PDB file of all heavy atoms in Angstrom:
ATOM      1  N   PRO A   1     -15.486  -3.526  -6.872  1.00  0.00           N
ATOM      2  CA  PRO A   1     -14.170  -3.669  -7.476  1.00  0.00           C
ATOM      3  C   PRO A   1     -13.544  -2.369  -7.949  1.00  0.00           C
ATOM      4  O   PRO A   1     -12.371  -2.306  -8.192  1.00  0.00           O
ATOM      5  CB  PRO A   1     -14.432  -4.614  -8.619  1.00  0.00           C
ATOM      6  CG  PRO A   1     -15.859  -4.548  -8.957  1.00  0.00           C
ATOM      7  CD  PRO A   1     -16.559  -4.251  -7.656  1.00  0.00           C
ATOM      8  N   ASP A   2     -14.355  -1.335  -8.129  1.00  0.00           N
ATOM      9  CA  ASP A   2     -13.857  -0.067  -8.577  1.00  0.00           C
ATOM     10  C   ASP A   2     -13.063   0.749  -7.507  1.00  0.00           C
ATOM     11  O   ASP A   2     -12.383   1.705  -7.787  1.00  0.00           O
ATOM     12  CB  ASP A   2     -14.961   0.859  -9.132  1.00  0.00           C
ATOM     13  CG  ASP A   2     -15.349   0.444 -10.540  1.00  0.00           C
ATOM     14  OD1 ASP A   2     -14.648  -0.375 -11.176  1.00  0.00           O
ATOM     15  OD2 ASP A   2     -16.333   1.014 -11.018  1.00  0.00           O
ATOM     16  N   VAL A   3     -13.218   0.304  -6.243  1.00  0.00           N
ATOM     17  CA  VAL A   3     -12.636   1.096  -5.143  1.00  0.00           C
ATOM     18  C   VAL A   3     -11.081   0.981  -5.204  1.00  0.00           C
ATOM     19  O   VAL A   3     -10.566  -0.140  -5.371  1.00  0.00           O
ATOM     20  CB  VAL A   3     -13.144   0.618  -3.773  1.00  0.00           C
ATOM     21  CG1 VAL A   3     -12.402   1.339  -2.634  1.00  0.00           C
ATOM     22  CG2 VAL A   3     -14.657   0.883  -3.658  1.00  0.00           C
ATOM     23  N   ILE A   4     -10.437   2.134  -5.006  1.00  0.00           N
ATOM     24  CA  ILE A   4      -8.977   2.221  -5.085  1.00  0.00           C
ATOM     25  C   ILE A   4      -8.444   2.680  -3.722  1.00  0.00           C
ATOM     26  O   ILE A   4      -9.078   3.617  -3.092  1.00  0.00           O
ATOM     27  CB  ILE A   4      -8.545   3.176  -6.170  1.00  0.00           C
ATOM     28  CG1 ILE A   4      -8.832   2.571  -7.568  1.00  0.00           C
ATOM     29  CG2 ILE A   4      -7.063   3.568  -6.093  1.00  0.00           C
ATOM     30  CD1 ILE A   4      -8.663   3.525  -8.696  1.00  0.00           C
ATOM     31  N   PHE A   5      -7.392   2.050  -3.257  1.00  0.00           N
ATOM     32  CA  PHE A   5      -6.794   2.405  -1.956  1.00  0.00           C
ATOM     33  C   PHE A   5      -5.357   2.914  -2.100  1.00  0.00           C
ATOM     34  O   PHE A   5      -4.544   2.238  -2.719  1.00  0.00           O
ATOM     35  CB  PHE A   5      -6.757   1.165  -1.052  1.00  0.00           C
ATOM     36  CG  PHE A   5      -8.084   0.524  -0.773  1.00  0.00           C
ATOM     37  CD1 PHE A   5      -8.656  -0.344  -1.701  1.00  0.00           C
ATOM     38  CD2 PHE A   5      -8.798   0.827   0.419  1.00  0.00           C
ATOM     39  CE1 PHE A   5      -9.902  -0.908  -1.417  1.00  0.00           C
ATOM     40  CE2 PHE A   5     -10.024   0.218   0.677  1.00  0.00           C
ATOM     41  CZ  PHE A   5     -10.591  -0.634  -0.258  1.00  0.00           C
ATOM     42  N   LEU A   6      -5.139   4.113  -1.577  1.00  0.00           N
ATOM     43  CA  LEU A   6      -3.765   4.663  -1.588  1.00  0.00           C
ATOM     44  C   LEU A   6      -3.203   4.608  -0.170  1.00  0.00           C
ATOM     45  O   LEU A   6      -3.779   5.134   0.761  1.00  0.00           O
ATOM     46  CB  LEU A   6      -3.783   6.106  -2.085  1.00  0.00           C
ATOM     47  CG  LEU A   6      -2.486   6.947  -1.885  1.00  0.00           C
ATOM     48  CD1 LEU A   6      -1.325   6.295  -2.662  1.00  0.00           C
ATOM     49  CD2 LEU A   6      -2.680   8.403  -2.318  1.00  0.00           C
ATOM     50  N   ALA A   7      -2.029   3.902  -0.041  1.00  0.00           N
ATOM     51  CA  ALA A   7      -1.414   3.762   1.300  1.00  0.00           C
ATOM     52  C   ALA A   7      -0.515   4.957   1.582  1.00  0.00           C
ATOM     53  O   ALA A   7       0.458   5.157   0.905  1.00  0.00           O
ATOM     54  CB  ALA A   7      -0.587   2.467   1.319  1.00  0.00           C
ATOM     55  N   GLU A   8      -0.892   5.768   2.598  1.00  0.00           N
ATOM     56  CA  GLU A   8      -0.053   6.853   3.040  1.00  0.00           C
ATOM     57  C   GLU A   8       0.890   6.341   4.094  1.00  0.00           C
ATOM     58  O   GLU A   8       0.562   6.404   5.278  1.00  0.00           O
ATOM     59  CB  GLU A   8      -0.932   8.006   3.565  1.00  0.00           C
ATOM     60  CG  GLU A   8      -0.138   9.273   3.896  1.00  0.00           C
ATOM     61  CD  GLU A   8       0.278   9.340   5.360  1.00  0.00           C
ATOM     62  OE1 GLU A   8      -0.275   8.607   6.206  1.00  0.00           O
ATOM     63  OE2 GLU A   8       1.234  10.100   5.661  1.00  0.00           O
ATOM     64  N   ALA A   9       2.022   5.847   3.704  1.00  0.00           N
ATOM     65  CA  ALA A   9       2.984   5.289   4.637  1.00  0.00           C
ATOM     66  C   ALA A   9       4.353   5.582   4.232  1.00  0.00           C
ATOM     67  O   ALA A   9       4.953   5.015   3.350  1.00  0.00           O
ATOM     68  CB  ALA A   9       2.791   3.764   4.698  1.00  0.00           C
ATOM     69  N   PHE A  10       4.928   6.701   4.809  1.00  0.00           N
ATOM     70  CA  PHE A  10       6.326   7.035   4.603  1.00  0.00           C
ATOM     71  C   PHE A  10       7.143   6.347   5.696  1.00  0.00           C
ATOM     72  O   PHE A  10       7.388   6.975   6.769  1.00  0.00           O
ATOM     73  CB  PHE A  10       6.543   8.538   4.636  1.00  0.00           C
ATOM     74  CG  PHE A  10       5.777   9.306   3.527  1.00  0.00           C
ATOM     75  CD1 PHE A  10       4.644  10.016   3.797  1.00  0.00           C
ATOM     76  CD2 PHE A  10       6.223   9.249   2.203  1.00  0.00           C
ATOM     77  CE1 PHE A  10       3.975  10.690   2.820  1.00  0.00           C
ATOM     78  CE2 PHE A  10       5.595   9.945   1.232  1.00  0.00           C
ATOM     79  CZ  PHE A  10       4.430  10.681   1.495  1.00  0.00           C
ATOM     80  N   THR A  11       7.498   5.152   5.452  1.00  0.00           N
ATOM     81  CA  THR A  11       8.101   4.384   6.519  1.00  0.00           C
ATOM     82  C   THR A  11       9.149   3.413   5.943  1.00  0.00           C
ATOM     83  O   THR A  11       9.601   3.629   4.806  1.00  0.00           O
ATOM     84  CB  THR A  11       7.011   3.578   7.308  1.00  0.00           C
ATOM     85  OG1 THR A  11       7.633   2.887   8.433  1.00  0.00           O
ATOM     86  CG2 THR A  11       6.270   2.648   6.466  1.00  0.00           C
ATOM     87  N   ARG A  12       9.489   2.373   6.618  1.00  0.00           N
ATOM     88  CA  ARG A  12      10.533   1.456   6.208  1.00  0.00           C
ATOM     89  C   ARG A  12      10.148   0.747   4.885  1.00  0.00           C
ATOM     90  O   ARG A  12       8.943   0.436   4.686  1.00  0.00           O
ATOM     91  CB  ARG A  12      10.857   0.428   7.295  1.00  0.00           C
ATOM     92  CG  ARG A  12      11.248   1.101   8.639  1.00  0.00           C
ATOM     93  CD  ARG A  12      11.750   0.082   9.643  1.00  0.00           C
ATOM     94  NE  ARG A  12      10.877  -1.031   9.840  1.00  0.00           N
ATOM     95  CZ  ARG A  12       9.804  -0.993  10.654  1.00  0.00           C
ATOM     96  NH1 ARG A  12       9.436   0.145  11.213  1.00  0.00           N
ATOM     97  NH2 ARG A  12       9.060  -2.092  10.793  1.00  0.00           N
ATOM     98  N   PRO A  13      11.112   0.479   3.997  1.00  0.00           N
ATOM     99  CA  PRO A  13      10.813  -0.103   2.731  1.00  0.00           C
ATOM    100  C   PRO A  13       9.965  -1.372   2.774  1.00  0.00           C
ATOM    101  O   PRO A  13       8.958  -1.482   2.051  1.00  0.00           O
ATOM    102  CB  PRO A  13      12.133  -0.353   2.078  1.00  0.00           C
ATOM    103  CG  PRO A  13      13.099   0.634   2.745  1.00  0.00           C
ATOM    104  CD  PRO A  13      12.550   0.791   4.163  1.00  0.00           C
ATOM    105  N   LYS A  14      10.355  -2.299   3.619  1.00  0.00           N
ATOM    106  CA  LYS A  14       9.655  -3.563   3.633  1.00  0.00           C
ATOM    107  C   LYS A  14       8.206  -3.409   4.197  1.00  0.00           C
ATOM    108  O   LYS A  14       7.340  -4.200   3.879  1.00  0.00           O
ATOM    109  CB  LYS A  14      10.465  -4.559   4.455  1.00  0.00           C
ATOM    110  CG  LYS A  14      11.699  -5.067   3.714  1.00  0.00           C
ATOM    111  CD  LYS A  14      12.470  -6.129   4.515  1.00  0.00           C
ATOM    112  CE  LYS A  14      13.650  -6.702   3.679  1.00  0.00           C
ATOM    113  NZ  LYS A  14      14.601  -5.692   3.276  1.00  0.00           N
ATOM    114  N   VAL A  15       8.045  -2.422   5.068  1.00  0.00           N
ATOM    115  CA  VAL A  15       6.693  -2.178   5.546  1.00  0.00           C
ATOM    116  C   VAL A  15       5.792  -1.641   4.447  1.00  0.00           C
ATOM    117  O   VAL A  15       4.680  -2.094   4.233  1.00  0.00           O
ATOM    118  CB  VAL A  15       6.704  -1.150   6.738  1.00  0.00           C
ATOM    119  CG1 VAL A  15       5.323  -0.744   7.167  1.00  0.00           C
ATOM    120  CG2 VAL A  15       7.474  -1.795   7.902  1.00  0.00           C
ATOM    121  N   MET A  16       6.310  -0.673   3.694  1.00  0.00           N
ATOM    122  CA  MET A  16       5.551  -0.197   2.528  1.00  0.00           C
ATOM    123  C   MET A  16       5.261  -1.253   1.537  1.00  0.00           C
ATOM    124  O   MET A  16       4.154  -1.355   0.960  1.00  0.00           O
ATOM    125  CB  MET A  16       6.352   0.984   1.908  1.00  0.00           C
ATOM    126  CG  MET A  16       6.536   2.174   2.825  1.00  0.00           C
ATOM    127  SD  MET A  16       7.721   3.341   2.225  1.00  0.00           S
ATOM    128  CE  MET A  16       6.992   4.014   0.799  1.00  0.00           C
ATOM    129  N   GLN A  17       6.228  -2.145   1.291  1.00  0.00           N
ATOM    130  CA  GLN A  17       6.040  -3.212   0.358  1.00  0.00           C
ATOM    131  C   GLN A  17       4.967  -4.213   0.850  1.00  0.00           C
ATOM    132  O   GLN A  17       4.174  -4.717   0.082  1.00  0.00           O
ATOM    133  CB  GLN A  17       7.378  -3.920   0.077  1.00  0.00           C
ATOM    134  CG  GLN A  17       8.374  -3.052  -0.658  1.00  0.00           C
ATOM    135  CD  GLN A  17       9.836  -3.580  -0.493  1.00  0.00           C
ATOM    136  OE1 GLN A  17      10.063  -4.720  -0.228  1.00  0.00           O
ATOM    137  NE2 GLN A  17      10.772  -2.667  -0.654  1.00  0.00           N
ATOM    138  N   ARG A  18       5.007  -4.485   2.162  1.00  0.00           N
ATOM    139  CA  ARG A  18       4.012  -5.445   2.663  1.00  0.00           C
ATOM    140  C   ARG A  18       2.605  -4.922   2.574  1.00  0.00           C
ATOM    141  O   ARG A  18       1.652  -5.641   2.219  1.00  0.00           O
ATOM    142  CB  ARG A  18       4.338  -5.688   4.177  1.00  0.00           C
ATOM    143  CG  ARG A  18       3.392  -6.695   4.818  1.00  0.00           C
ATOM    144  CD  ARG A  18       3.593  -8.128   4.308  1.00  0.00           C
ATOM    145  NE  ARG A  18       2.557  -9.028   4.761  1.00  0.00           N
ATOM    146  CZ  ARG A  18       2.708 -10.378   4.941  1.00  0.00           C
ATOM    147  NH1 ARG A  18       3.915 -10.909   4.635  1.00  0.00           N
ATOM    148  NH2 ARG A  18       1.726 -11.125   5.336  1.00  0.00           N
ATOM    149  N   LEU A  19       2.423  -3.623   2.775  1.00  0.00           N
ATOM    150  CA  LEU A  19       1.065  -3.012   2.609  1.00  0.00           C
ATOM    151  C   LEU A  19       0.630  -3.171   1.166  1.00  0.00           C
ATOM    152  O   LEU A  19      -0.538  -3.481   0.903  1.00  0.00           O
ATOM    153  CB  LEU A  19       1.098  -1.526   3.008  1.00  0.00           C
ATOM    154  CG  LEU A  19       1.250  -1.283   4.503  1.00  0.00           C
ATOM    155  CD1 LEU A  19       1.608   0.184   4.764  1.00  0.00           C
ATOM    156  CD2 LEU A  19       0.000  -1.645   5.277  1.00  0.00           C
ATOM    157  N   ALA A  20       1.531  -2.955   0.251  1.00  0.00           N
ATOM    158  CA  ALA A  20       1.151  -3.128  -1.197  1.00  0.00           C
ATOM    159  C   ALA A  20       0.754  -4.593  -1.459  1.00  0.00           C
ATOM    160  O   ALA A  20      -0.223  -4.872  -2.205  1.00  0.00           O
ATOM    161  CB  ALA A  20       2.323  -2.714  -2.115  1.00  0.00           C
ATOM    162  N   LYS A  21       1.497  -5.514  -0.878  1.00  0.00           N
ATOM    163  CA  LYS A  21       1.177  -6.932  -1.063  1.00  0.00           C
ATOM    164  C   LYS A  21      -0.190  -7.269  -0.469  1.00  0.00           C
ATOM    165  O   LYS A  21      -0.945  -8.107  -1.019  1.00  0.00           O
ATOM    166  CB  LYS A  21       2.238  -7.824  -0.384  1.00  0.00           C
ATOM    167  CG  LYS A  21       3.595  -7.786  -1.046  1.00  0.00           C
ATOM    168  CD  LYS A  21       4.661  -8.499  -0.234  1.00  0.00           C
ATOM    169  CE  LYS A  21       6.075  -8.444  -0.844  1.00  0.00           C
ATOM    170  NZ  LYS A  21       7.046  -9.127  -0.001  1.00  0.00           N
ATOM    171  N   GLU A  22      -0.560  -6.617   0.614  1.00  0.00           N
ATOM    172  CA  GLU A  22      -1.817  -6.914   1.247  1.00  0.00           C
ATOM    173  C   GLU A  22      -3.038  -6.428   0.418  1.00  0.00           C
ATOM    174  O   GLU A  22      -4.162  -6.791   0.760  1.00  0.00           O
ATOM    175  CB  GLU A  22      -1.898  -6.322   2.661  1.00  0.00           C
ATOM    176  CG  GLU A  22      -0.853  -6.856   3.630  1.00  0.00           C
ATOM    177  CD  GLU A  22      -1.090  -8.316   4.058  1.00  0.00           C
ATOM    178  OE1 GLU A  22      -2.106  -8.894   3.602  1.00  0.00           O
ATOM    179  OE2 GLU A  22      -0.300  -8.837   4.844  1.00  0.00           O
ATOM    180  N   GLY A  23      -2.762  -5.613  -0.556  1.00  0.00           N
ATOM    181  CA  GLY A  23      -3.865  -5.267  -1.481  1.00  0.00           C
ATOM    182  C   GLY A  23      -4.025  -3.784  -1.819  1.00  0.00           C
ATOM    183  O   GLY A  23      -4.917  -3.418  -2.562  1.00  0.00           O
ATOM    184  N   TYR A  24      -3.180  -2.917  -1.261  1.00  0.00           N
ATOM    185  CA  TYR A  24      -3.285  -1.494  -1.568  1.00  0.00           C
ATOM    186  C   TYR A  24      -3.041  -1.278  -3.066  1.00  0.00           C
ATOM    187  O   TYR A  24      -2.119  -1.801  -3.696  1.00  0.00           O
ATOM    188  CB  TYR A  24      -2.316  -0.685  -0.746  1.00  0.00           C
ATOM    189  CG  TYR A  24      -2.863  -0.283   0.572  1.00  0.00           C
ATOM    190  CD1 TYR A  24      -2.681  -1.107   1.718  1.00  0.00           C
ATOM    191  CD2 TYR A  24      -3.689   0.836   0.732  1.00  0.00           C
ATOM    192  CE1 TYR A  24      -3.241  -0.757   2.925  1.00  0.00           C
ATOM    193  CE2 TYR A  24      -4.228   1.200   1.954  1.00  0.00           C
ATOM    194  CZ  TYR A  24      -4.026   0.367   3.044  1.00  0.00           C
ATOM    195  OH  TYR A  24      -4.585   0.663   4.256  1.00  0.00           O
ATOM    196  N   SER A  25      -3.882  -0.415  -3.684  1.00  0.00           N
ATOM    197  CA  SER A  25      -3.825  -0.189  -5.107  1.00  0.00           C
ATOM    198  C   SER A  25      -2.656   0.694  -5.486  1.00  0.00           C
ATOM    199  O   SER A  25      -2.080   0.571  -6.576  1.00  0.00           O
ATOM    200  CB  SER A  25      -5.118   0.445  -5.604  1.00  0.00           C
ATOM    201  OG  SER A  25      -6.293  -0.076  -5.001  1.00  0.00           O
ATOM    202  N   GLN A  26      -2.328   1.666  -4.621  1.00  0.00           N
ATOM    203  CA  GLN A  26      -1.229   2.611  -4.867  1.00  0.00           C
ATOM    204  C   GLN A  26      -0.484   2.850  -3.561  1.00  0.00           C
ATOM    205  O   GLN A  26      -1.036   2.612  -2.533  1.00  0.00           O
ATOM    206  CB  GLN A  26      -1.777   3.974  -5.397  1.00  0.00           C
ATOM    207  CG  GLN A  26      -2.547   3.872  -6.705  1.00  0.00           C
ATOM    208  CD  GLN A  26      -3.085   5.215  -7.149  1.00  0.00           C
ATOM    209  OE1 GLN A  26      -2.797   6.257  -6.518  1.00  0.00           O
ATOM    210  NE2 GLN A  26      -3.870   5.214  -8.209  1.00  0.00           N
ATOM    211  N   SER A  27       0.758   3.370  -3.674  1.00  0.00           N
ATOM    212  CA  SER A  27       1.585   3.596  -2.515  1.00  0.00           C
ATOM    213  C   SER A  27       2.294   4.893  -2.611  1.00  0.00           C
ATOM    214  O   SER A  27       2.865   5.263  -3.659  1.00  0.00           O
ATOM    215  CB  SER A  27       2.579   2.455  -2.381  1.00  0.00           C
ATOM    216  OG  SER A  27       1.948   1.200  -2.347  1.00  0.00           O
TER     217      SER A  27
END
């Protein structure tokens, strides 16, 4: 549970938001 995920996605807003919804800790 300590593992943190940062999503490196400079892309369309809804795509970035969906990745966050799927579980990414940071964006």
